[in-house]
Amino acid sequence: MPTIPGLEIDVIPVTALSQNCSLYWDAATRVAAVVDPGGDVDRILARLADGALRLEAILLTHGHLDHVGGAAELARRAGGDTPVSIIGPHAADAFLLEQVTENAARFGLSGMENVRADRFVTAGERLHYAGRTLEVRHVPGHTPGHVVFFDADRRFLFAGDTLFRGAVGRTDFAYGDERQLLNAIRDEILPLGDDVIVLPGHGGMTRIGDERRHNPFLQTR
């Protein structure tokens, strides 16, 4: 992955859907945060232990099971007597967090739990975890409550399932809306700057400028 000065980050593909669970931390304090722990909690805990990292928070971009299915277990096991706080997504995805186990069973997936967020996030707020400040931007369309987390200092975006290399998130759900997603990407992501590195929920990283110029979904309104 690209070198990002001052930002320690590992991408841990989890679940049968190869979702990009992200672990980032402060090199000085060894305090960490995890974005979208969809499953394979043992692997995430092993990486924390290997790095002598203390998990401070779990951040969720949206409510789909491959992004949140391991959040409850990770919060319990990493937190000991005091579970780690689960932050996000936007409250509009609460219904998805309540259906994780049910939806996982439809895919033949086990070990995924429903999630109760300690608090939902709102557009424009700033989160301060693991020595970093992340700006919350609401980018609905893939799901109603999808958010992205932007590190302005490091020019880095945890994009979830909004913007991909050459593609955008699926909208063929009953609650999906392609036009809403494309408009939100143009309004909330593209203005962040062409140099910004984008880590999507699946697949490899890209930069906003590359997607602005070449992503076929963004070439017409």
C-alpha atoms as a PDB file:
ATOM      1  CA  MET A   1       0.000   0.000   0.000  1.00  0.00           C
ATOM      2  CA  PRO A   2       1.168   3.631  -0.373  1.00  0.00           C
ATOM      3  CA  THR A   3       3.441   4.983   2.359  1.00  0.00           C
ATOM      4  CA  ILE A   4       1.588   7.483   4.522  1.00  0.00           C
ATOM      5  CA  PRO A   5       4.004   9.414   6.762  1.00  0.00           C
ATOM      6  CA  GLY A   6       2.875   9.396  10.370  1.00  0.00           C
ATOM      7  CA  LEU A   7      -0.038   7.037   9.815  1.00  0.00           C
ATOM      8  CA  GLU A   8       0.456   3.458  10.887  1.00  0.00           C
ATOM      9  CA  ILE A   9      -2.166   1.257   9.255  1.00  0.00           C
ATOM     10  CA  ASP A  10      -2.781  -2.393   8.430  1.00  0.00           C
ATOM     11  CA  VAL A  11      -5.531  -3.727   6.190  1.00  0.00           C
ATOM     12  CA  ILE A  12      -6.849  -7.103   7.311  1.00  0.00           C
ATOM     13  CA  PRO A  13      -9.168  -8.779   4.774  1.00  0.00           C
ATOM     14  CA  VAL A  14     -11.963 -10.489   6.719  1.00  0.00           C
ATOM     15  CA  THR A  15     -14.917 -12.760   5.985  1.00  0.00           C
ATOM     16  CA  ALA A  16     -15.610 -14.743   2.839  1.00  0.00           C
ATOM     17  CA  LEU A  17     -16.346 -11.392   1.164  1.00  0.00           C
ATOM     18  CA  SER A  18     -12.739 -10.150   1.652  1.00  0.00           C
ATOM     19  CA  GLN A  19     -13.796  -6.944   3.346  1.00  0.00           C
ATOM     20  CA  ASN A  20     -10.993  -4.493   4.156  1.00  0.00           C
ATOM     21  CA  CYS A  21     -10.967  -4.256   7.930  1.00  0.00           C
ATOM     22  CA  SER A  22      -8.547  -1.455   8.836  1.00  0.00           C
ATOM     23  CA  LEU A  23      -6.387  -1.204  11.927  1.00  0.00           C
ATOM     24  CA  TYR A  24      -4.624   2.100  12.579  1.00  0.00           C
ATOM     25  CA  TRP A  25      -2.623   3.238  15.576  1.00  0.00           C
ATOM     26  CA  ASP A  26      -0.470   5.898  17.163  1.00  0.00           C
ATOM     27  CA  ALA A  27       3.162   4.773  16.971  1.00  0.00           C
ATOM     28  CA  ALA A  28       4.099   6.612  20.178  1.00  0.00           C
ATOM     29  CA  THR A  29       1.275   5.488  22.459  1.00  0.00           C
ATOM     30  CA  ARG A  30       0.400   2.151  20.780  1.00  0.00           C
ATOM     31  CA  VAL A  31      -3.276   3.108  21.030  1.00  0.00           C
ATOM     32  CA  ALA A  32      -5.314   1.753  18.108  1.00  0.00           C
ATOM     33  CA  ALA A  33      -8.696   1.917  16.416  1.00  0.00           C
ATOM     34  CA  VAL A  34     -10.344  -0.574  14.063  1.00  0.00           C
ATOM     35  CA  VAL A  35     -12.580   0.391  11.153  1.00  0.00           C
ATOM     36  CA  ASP A  36     -15.207  -2.133   9.997  1.00  0.00           C
ATOM     37  CA  PRO A  37     -14.362  -5.407  11.774  1.00  0.00           C
ATOM     38  CA  GLY A  38     -16.684  -7.634   9.761  1.00  0.00           C
ATOM     39  CA  GLY A  39     -15.455 -10.913  11.212  1.00  0.00           C
ATOM     40  CA  ASP A  40     -12.403 -13.115  11.797  1.00  0.00           C
ATOM     41  CA  VAL A  41     -12.001 -11.571  15.226  1.00  0.00           C
ATOM     42  CA  ASP A  42      -9.178 -13.936  16.204  1.00  0.00           C
ATOM     43  CA  ARG A  43      -7.048 -12.520  13.379  1.00  0.00           C
ATOM     44  CA  ILE A  44      -7.733  -8.933  14.440  1.00  0.00           C
ATOM     45  CA  LEU A  45      -6.897  -9.712  18.069  1.00  0.00           C
ATOM     46  CA  ALA A  46      -3.707 -11.474  17.008  1.00  0.00           C
ATOM     47  CA  ARG A  47      -2.584  -8.411  15.071  1.00  0.00           C
ATOM     48  CA  LEU A  48      -3.292  -6.205  18.071  1.00  0.00           C
ATOM     49  CA  ALA A  49      -1.272  -8.522  20.286  1.00  0.00           C
ATOM     50  CA  ASP A  50       1.606  -8.759  17.800  1.00  0.00           C
ATOM     51  CA  GLY A  51       1.897  -4.982  17.744  1.00  0.00           C
ATOM     52  CA  ALA A  52       1.376  -4.550  21.491  1.00  0.00           C
ATOM     53  CA  LEU A  53      -1.577  -2.316  20.640  1.00  0.00           C
ATOM     54  CA  ARG A  54      -4.433  -1.255  22.910  1.00  0.00           C
ATOM     55  CA  LEU A  55      -7.768  -0.920  21.131  1.00  0.00           C
ATOM     56  CA  GLU A  56      -9.514   2.347  21.947  1.00  0.00           C
ATOM     57  CA  ALA A  57     -12.488   2.326  19.567  1.00  0.00           C
ATOM     58  CA  ILE A  58     -14.306   0.450  16.811  1.00  0.00           C
ATOM     59  CA  LEU A  59     -15.573   2.638  13.973  1.00  0.00           C
ATOM     60  CA  LEU A  60     -18.278   1.513  11.540  1.00  0.00           C
ATOM     61  CA  THR A  61     -18.897   3.023   8.113  1.00  0.00           C
ATOM     62  CA  HIS A  62     -22.238   1.283   7.564  1.00  0.00           C
ATOM     63  CA  GLY A  63     -24.391  -1.572   8.727  1.00  0.00           C
ATOM     64  CA  HIS A  64     -23.689  -4.391   6.273  1.00  0.00           C
ATOM     65  CA  LEU A  65     -22.742  -7.659   7.929  1.00  0.00           C
ATOM     66  CA  ASP A  66     -19.298  -7.970   6.304  1.00  0.00           C
ATOM     67  CA  HIS A  67     -18.364  -4.628   7.877  1.00  0.00           C
ATOM     68  CA  VAL A  68     -19.901  -5.049  11.328  1.00  0.00           C
ATOM     69  CA  GLY A  69     -20.360  -8.778  11.987  1.00  0.00           C
ATOM     70  CA  GLY A  70     -17.366  -9.033  14.331  1.00  0.00           C
ATOM     71  CA  ALA A  71     -17.779  -5.688  16.078  1.00  0.00           C
ATOM     72  CA  ALA A  72     -19.667  -6.909  19.158  1.00  0.00           C
ATOM     73  CA  GLU A  73     -17.286  -9.807  19.771  1.00  0.00           C
ATOM     74  CA  LEU A  74     -14.215  -7.651  19.232  1.00  0.00           C
ATOM     75  CA  ALA A  75     -15.545  -5.007  21.625  1.00  0.00           C
ATOM     76  CA  ARG A  76     -15.992  -7.632  24.357  1.00  0.00           C
ATOM     77  CA  ARG A  77     -12.765  -9.521  23.883  1.00  0.00           C
ATOM     78  CA  ALA A  78     -10.469  -6.535  23.363  1.00  0.00           C
ATOM     79  CA  GLY A  79     -11.979  -4.517  26.173  1.00  0.00           C
ATOM     80  CA  GLY A  80     -11.912  -6.976  29.045  1.00  0.00           C
ATOM     81  CA  ASP A  81     -14.021  -5.691  31.927  1.00  0.00           C
ATOM     82  CA  THR A  82     -14.996  -2.607  29.930  1.00  0.00           C
ATOM     83  CA  PRO A  83     -15.999  -3.334  26.317  1.00  0.00           C
ATOM     84  CA  VAL A  84     -14.457  -1.121  23.653  1.00  0.00           C
ATOM     85  CA  SER A  85     -16.827   1.566  22.373  1.00  0.00           C
ATOM     86  CA  ILE A  86     -18.518   0.987  19.014  1.00  0.00           C
ATOM     87  CA  ILE A  87     -18.902   4.290  17.172  1.00  0.00           C
ATOM     88  CA  GLY A  88     -21.094   4.736  14.093  1.00  0.00           C
ATOM     89  CA  PRO A  89     -22.466   4.498  11.561  1.00  0.00           C
ATOM     90  CA  HIS A  90     -25.214   7.122  11.040  1.00  0.00           C
ATOM     91  CA  ALA A  91     -28.459   6.244  12.834  1.00  0.00           C
ATOM     92  CA  ALA A  92     -30.201   5.585   9.505  1.00  0.00           C
ATOM     93  CA  ASP A  93     -28.394   2.220   9.416  1.00  0.00           C
ATOM     94  CA  ALA A  94     -29.652   1.083  12.825  1.00  0.00           C
ATOM     95  CA  PHE A  95     -32.055  -1.392  11.196  1.00  0.00           C
ATOM     96  CA  LEU A  96     -29.133  -3.164   9.495  1.00  0.00           C
ATOM     97  CA  LEU A  97     -27.208  -3.521  12.751  1.00  0.00           C
ATOM     98  CA  GLU A  98     -30.259  -5.275  14.202  1.00  0.00           C
ATOM     99  CA  GLN A  99     -30.392  -7.810  11.332  1.00  0.00           C
ATOM    100  CA  VAL A 100     -26.777  -9.003  11.141  1.00  0.00           C
ATOM    101  CA  THR A 101     -27.300 -12.516  12.499  1.00  0.00           C
ATOM    102  CA  GLU A 102     -30.449 -13.030  10.436  1.00  0.00           C
ATOM    103  CA  ASN A 103     -28.815 -11.833   7.217  1.00  0.00           C
ATOM    104  CA  ALA A 104     -25.629 -13.814   7.862  1.00  0.00           C
ATOM    105  CA  ALA A 105     -27.663 -17.014   8.127  1.00  0.00           C
ATOM    106  CA  ARG A 106     -29.017 -16.383   4.632  1.00  0.00           C
ATOM    107  CA  PHE A 107     -25.442 -16.422   3.323  1.00  0.00           C
ATOM    108  CA  GLY A 108     -24.473 -19.466   5.368  1.00  0.00           C
ATOM    109  CA  LEU A 109     -22.157 -17.347   7.539  1.00  0.00           C
ATOM    110  CA  SER A 110     -21.776 -18.035  11.237  1.00  0.00           C
ATOM    111  CA  GLY A 111     -20.246 -16.197  14.162  1.00  0.00           C
ATOM    112  CA  MET A 112     -21.680 -12.811  13.202  1.00  0.00           C
ATOM    113  CA  GLU A 113     -23.617 -10.859  15.808  1.00  0.00           C
ATOM    114  CA  ASN A 114     -26.101  -8.032  15.848  1.00  0.00           C
ATOM    115  CA  VAL A 115     -24.515  -4.755  16.898  1.00  0.00           C
ATOM    116  CA  ARG A 116     -25.576  -2.102  19.360  1.00  0.00           C
ATOM    117  CA  ALA A 117     -23.607   1.066  18.709  1.00  0.00           C
ATOM    118  CA  ASP A 118     -22.512   2.996  21.762  1.00  0.00           C
ATOM    119  CA  ARG A 119     -23.345   6.028  19.711  1.00  0.00           C
ATOM    120  CA  PHE A 120     -24.164   6.920  16.148  1.00  0.00           C
ATOM    121  CA  VAL A 121     -22.297   9.652  14.284  1.00  0.00           C
ATOM    122  CA  THR A 122     -23.504  12.726  12.453  1.00  0.00           C
ATOM    123  CA  ALA A 123     -22.226  14.486   9.363  1.00  0.00           C
ATOM    124  CA  GLY A 124     -19.508  17.008  10.035  1.00  0.00           C
ATOM    125  CA  GLU A 125     -18.446  15.829  13.466  1.00  0.00           C
ATOM    126  CA  ARG A 126     -14.824  15.012  14.225  1.00  0.00           C
ATOM    127  CA  LEU A 127     -13.723  11.832  15.959  1.00  0.00           C
ATOM    128  CA  HIS A 128     -10.530  11.724  18.012  1.00  0.00           C
ATOM    129  CA  TYR A 129      -9.174   8.218  18.416  1.00  0.00           C
ATOM    130  CA  ALA A 130      -5.714   6.636  18.338  1.00  0.00           C
ATOM    131  CA  GLY A 131      -4.034   9.995  17.989  1.00  0.00           C
ATOM    132  CA  ARG A 132      -5.895  10.930  14.826  1.00  0.00           C
ATOM    133  CA  THR A 133      -8.778  13.241  13.964  1.00  0.00           C
ATOM    134  CA  LEU A 134     -11.291  11.827  11.507  1.00  0.00           C
ATOM    135  CA  GLU A 135     -14.018  13.934   9.931  1.00  0.00           C
ATOM    136  CA  VAL A 136     -17.354  12.189   9.423  1.00  0.00           C
ATOM    137  CA  ARG A 137     -19.064  12.648   6.065  1.00  0.00           C
ATOM    138  CA  HIS A 138     -22.493  11.171   5.304  1.00  0.00           C
ATOM    139  CA  VAL A 139     -22.489   9.400   1.919  1.00  0.00           C
ATOM    140  CA  PRO A 140     -25.828   7.560   1.556  1.00  0.00           C
ATOM    141  CA  GLY A 141     -26.988   5.474  -1.365  1.00  0.00           C
ATOM    142  CA  HIS A 142     -25.302   2.128  -0.742  1.00  0.00           C
ATOM    143  CA  THR A 143     -27.054   2.201   2.617  1.00  0.00           C
ATOM    144  CA  PRO A 144     -29.058   5.089   4.110  1.00  0.00           C
ATOM    145  CA  GLY A 145     -26.635   5.658   6.977  1.00  0.00           C
ATOM    146  CA  HIS A 146     -23.297   5.142   5.258  1.00  0.00           C
ATOM    147  CA  VAL A 147     -20.512   7.435   6.433  1.00  0.00           C
ATOM    148  CA  VAL A 148     -16.859   7.830   5.494  1.00  0.00           C
ATOM    149  CA  PHE A 149     -13.980   8.854   7.771  1.00  0.00           C
ATOM    150  CA  PHE A 150     -11.516  11.438   6.468  1.00  0.00           C
ATOM    151  CA  ASP A 151      -8.070  12.082   7.941  1.00  0.00           C
ATOM    152  CA  ALA A 152      -7.330  15.561   6.572  1.00  0.00           C
ATOM    153  CA  ASP A 153      -3.827  15.688   8.046  1.00  0.00           C
ATOM    154  CA  ARG A 154      -2.741  12.437   6.370  1.00  0.00           C
ATOM    155  CA  ARG A 155      -4.914  12.931   3.264  1.00  0.00           C
ATOM    156  CA  PHE A 156      -6.519   9.528   3.745  1.00  0.00           C
ATOM    157  CA  LEU A 157     -10.136   8.342   3.456  1.00  0.00           C
ATOM    158  CA  PHE A 158     -11.752   5.238   4.932  1.00  0.00           C
ATOM    159  CA  ALA A 159     -14.438   5.012   2.245  1.00  0.00           C
ATOM    160  CA  GLY A 160     -16.345   1.843   3.089  1.00  0.00           C
ATOM    161  CA  ASP A 161     -18.542   0.792   0.164  1.00  0.00           C
ATOM    162  CA  THR A 162     -18.930   4.180  -1.509  1.00  0.00           C
ATOM    163  CA  LEU A 163     -16.036   4.773  -3.911  1.00  0.00           C
ATOM    164  CA  PHE A 164     -13.893   1.986  -5.360  1.00  0.00           C
ATOM    165  CA  ARG A 165     -11.168   1.805  -7.953  1.00  0.00           C
ATOM    166  CA  GLY A 166     -13.191   2.091 -11.160  1.00  0.00           C
ATOM    167  CA  ALA A 167     -16.511   1.487  -9.465  1.00  0.00           C
ATOM    168  CA  VAL A 168     -18.938   2.625  -6.780  1.00  0.00           C
ATOM    169  CA  GLY A 169     -20.941   0.783  -4.145  1.00  0.00           C
ATOM    170  CA  ARG A 170     -23.854  -1.452  -5.029  1.00  0.00           C
ATOM    171  CA  THR A 171     -27.279   0.125  -4.923  1.00  0.00           C
ATOM    172  CA  ASP A 172     -29.440  -2.859  -5.899  1.00  0.00           C
ATOM    173  CA  PHE A 173     -30.966  -3.179  -2.435  1.00  0.00           C
ATOM    174  CA  ALA A 174     -34.491  -2.189  -1.492  1.00  0.00           C
ATOM    175  CA  TYR A 175     -32.993   0.752   0.397  1.00  0.00           C
ATOM    176  CA  GLY A 176     -30.281   1.573  -2.185  1.00  0.00           C
ATOM    177  CA  ASP A 177     -30.286   4.622  -4.421  1.00  0.00           C
ATOM    178  CA  GLU A 178     -27.734   4.980  -7.220  1.00  0.00           C
ATOM    179  CA  ARG A 179     -28.448   8.639  -7.949  1.00  0.00           C
ATOM    180  CA  GLN A 180     -28.182   9.514  -4.281  1.00  0.00           C
ATOM    181  CA  LEU A 181     -24.858   7.681  -4.006  1.00  0.00           C
ATOM    182  CA  LEU A 182     -23.339   9.327  -7.074  1.00  0.00           C
ATOM    183  CA  ASN A 183     -24.448  12.773  -5.941  1.00  0.00           C
ATOM    184  CA  ALA A 184     -23.078  12.173  -2.452  1.00  0.00           C
ATOM    185  CA  ILE A 185     -19.722  11.013  -3.832  1.00  0.00           C
ATOM    186  CA  ARG A 186     -19.501  14.172  -5.929  1.00  0.00           C
ATOM    187  CA  ASP A 187     -20.554  16.412  -3.045  1.00  0.00           C
ATOM    188  CA  GLU A 188     -18.802  14.768  -0.091  1.00  0.00           C
ATOM    189  CA  ILE A 189     -15.776  12.857  -1.436  1.00  0.00           C
ATOM    190  CA  LEU A 190     -14.477  14.449  -4.640  1.00  0.00           C
ATOM    191  CA  PRO A 191     -14.047  17.916  -3.051  1.00  0.00           C
ATOM    192  CA  LEU A 192     -11.594  16.461  -0.508  1.00  0.00           C
ATOM    193  CA  GLY A 193      -8.849  16.706  -3.128  1.00  0.00           C
ATOM    194  CA  ASP A 194      -7.266  14.686  -5.923  1.00  0.00           C
ATOM    195  CA  ASP A 195      -4.288  13.691  -3.772  1.00  0.00           C
ATOM    196  CA  VAL A 196      -6.390  11.911  -1.143  1.00  0.00           C
ATOM    197  CA  ILE A 197      -5.755   8.164  -0.834  1.00  0.00           C
ATOM    198  CA  VAL A 198      -8.980   6.159  -0.771  1.00  0.00           C
ATOM    199  CA  LEU A 199      -9.218   2.842   1.060  1.00  0.00           C
ATOM    200  CA  PRO A 200     -12.475   1.197  -0.072  1.00  0.00           C
ATOM    201  CA  GLY A 201     -14.294  -1.582   1.695  1.00  0.00           C
ATOM    202  CA  HIS A 202     -13.110  -4.150  -0.849  1.00  0.00           C
ATOM    203  CA  GLY A 203     -10.197  -4.326  -3.267  1.00  0.00           C
ATOM    204  CA  GLY A 204      -7.194  -2.088  -3.691  1.00  0.00           C
ATOM    205  CA  MET A 205      -6.644   1.536  -2.832  1.00  0.00           C
ATOM    206  CA  THR A 206      -6.902   4.420  -5.237  1.00  0.00           C
ATOM    207  CA  ARG A 207      -6.766   8.224  -5.240  1.00  0.00           C
ATOM    208  CA  ILE A 208      -9.619  10.641  -5.653  1.00  0.00           C
ATOM    209  CA  GLY A 209      -8.009  12.250  -8.696  1.00  0.00           C
ATOM    210  CA  ASP A 210      -7.746   8.939 -10.514  1.00  0.00           C
ATOM    211  CA  GLU A 211     -11.411   8.228  -9.899  1.00  0.00           C
ATOM    212  CA  ARG A 212     -12.472  11.736 -10.860  1.00  0.00           C
ATOM    213  CA  ARG A 213     -10.760  11.278 -14.240  1.00  0.00           C
ATOM    214  CA  HIS A 214     -11.318   7.599 -15.000  1.00  0.00           C
ATOM    215  CA  ASN A 215     -14.151   6.104 -12.948  1.00  0.00           C
ATOM    216  CA  PRO A 216     -16.926   5.468 -15.498  1.00  0.00           C
ATOM    217  CA  PHE A 217     -19.658   6.026 -12.920  1.00  0.00           C
ATOM    218  CA  LEU A 218     -18.478   9.597 -12.325  1.00  0.00           C
ATOM    219  CA  GLN A 219     -18.190  10.783 -15.912  1.00  0.00           C
ATOM    220  CA  THR A 220     -21.851  11.703 -16.427  1.00  0.00           C
ATOM    221  CA  ARG A 221     -24.662  12.873 -14.180  1.00  0.00           C
END
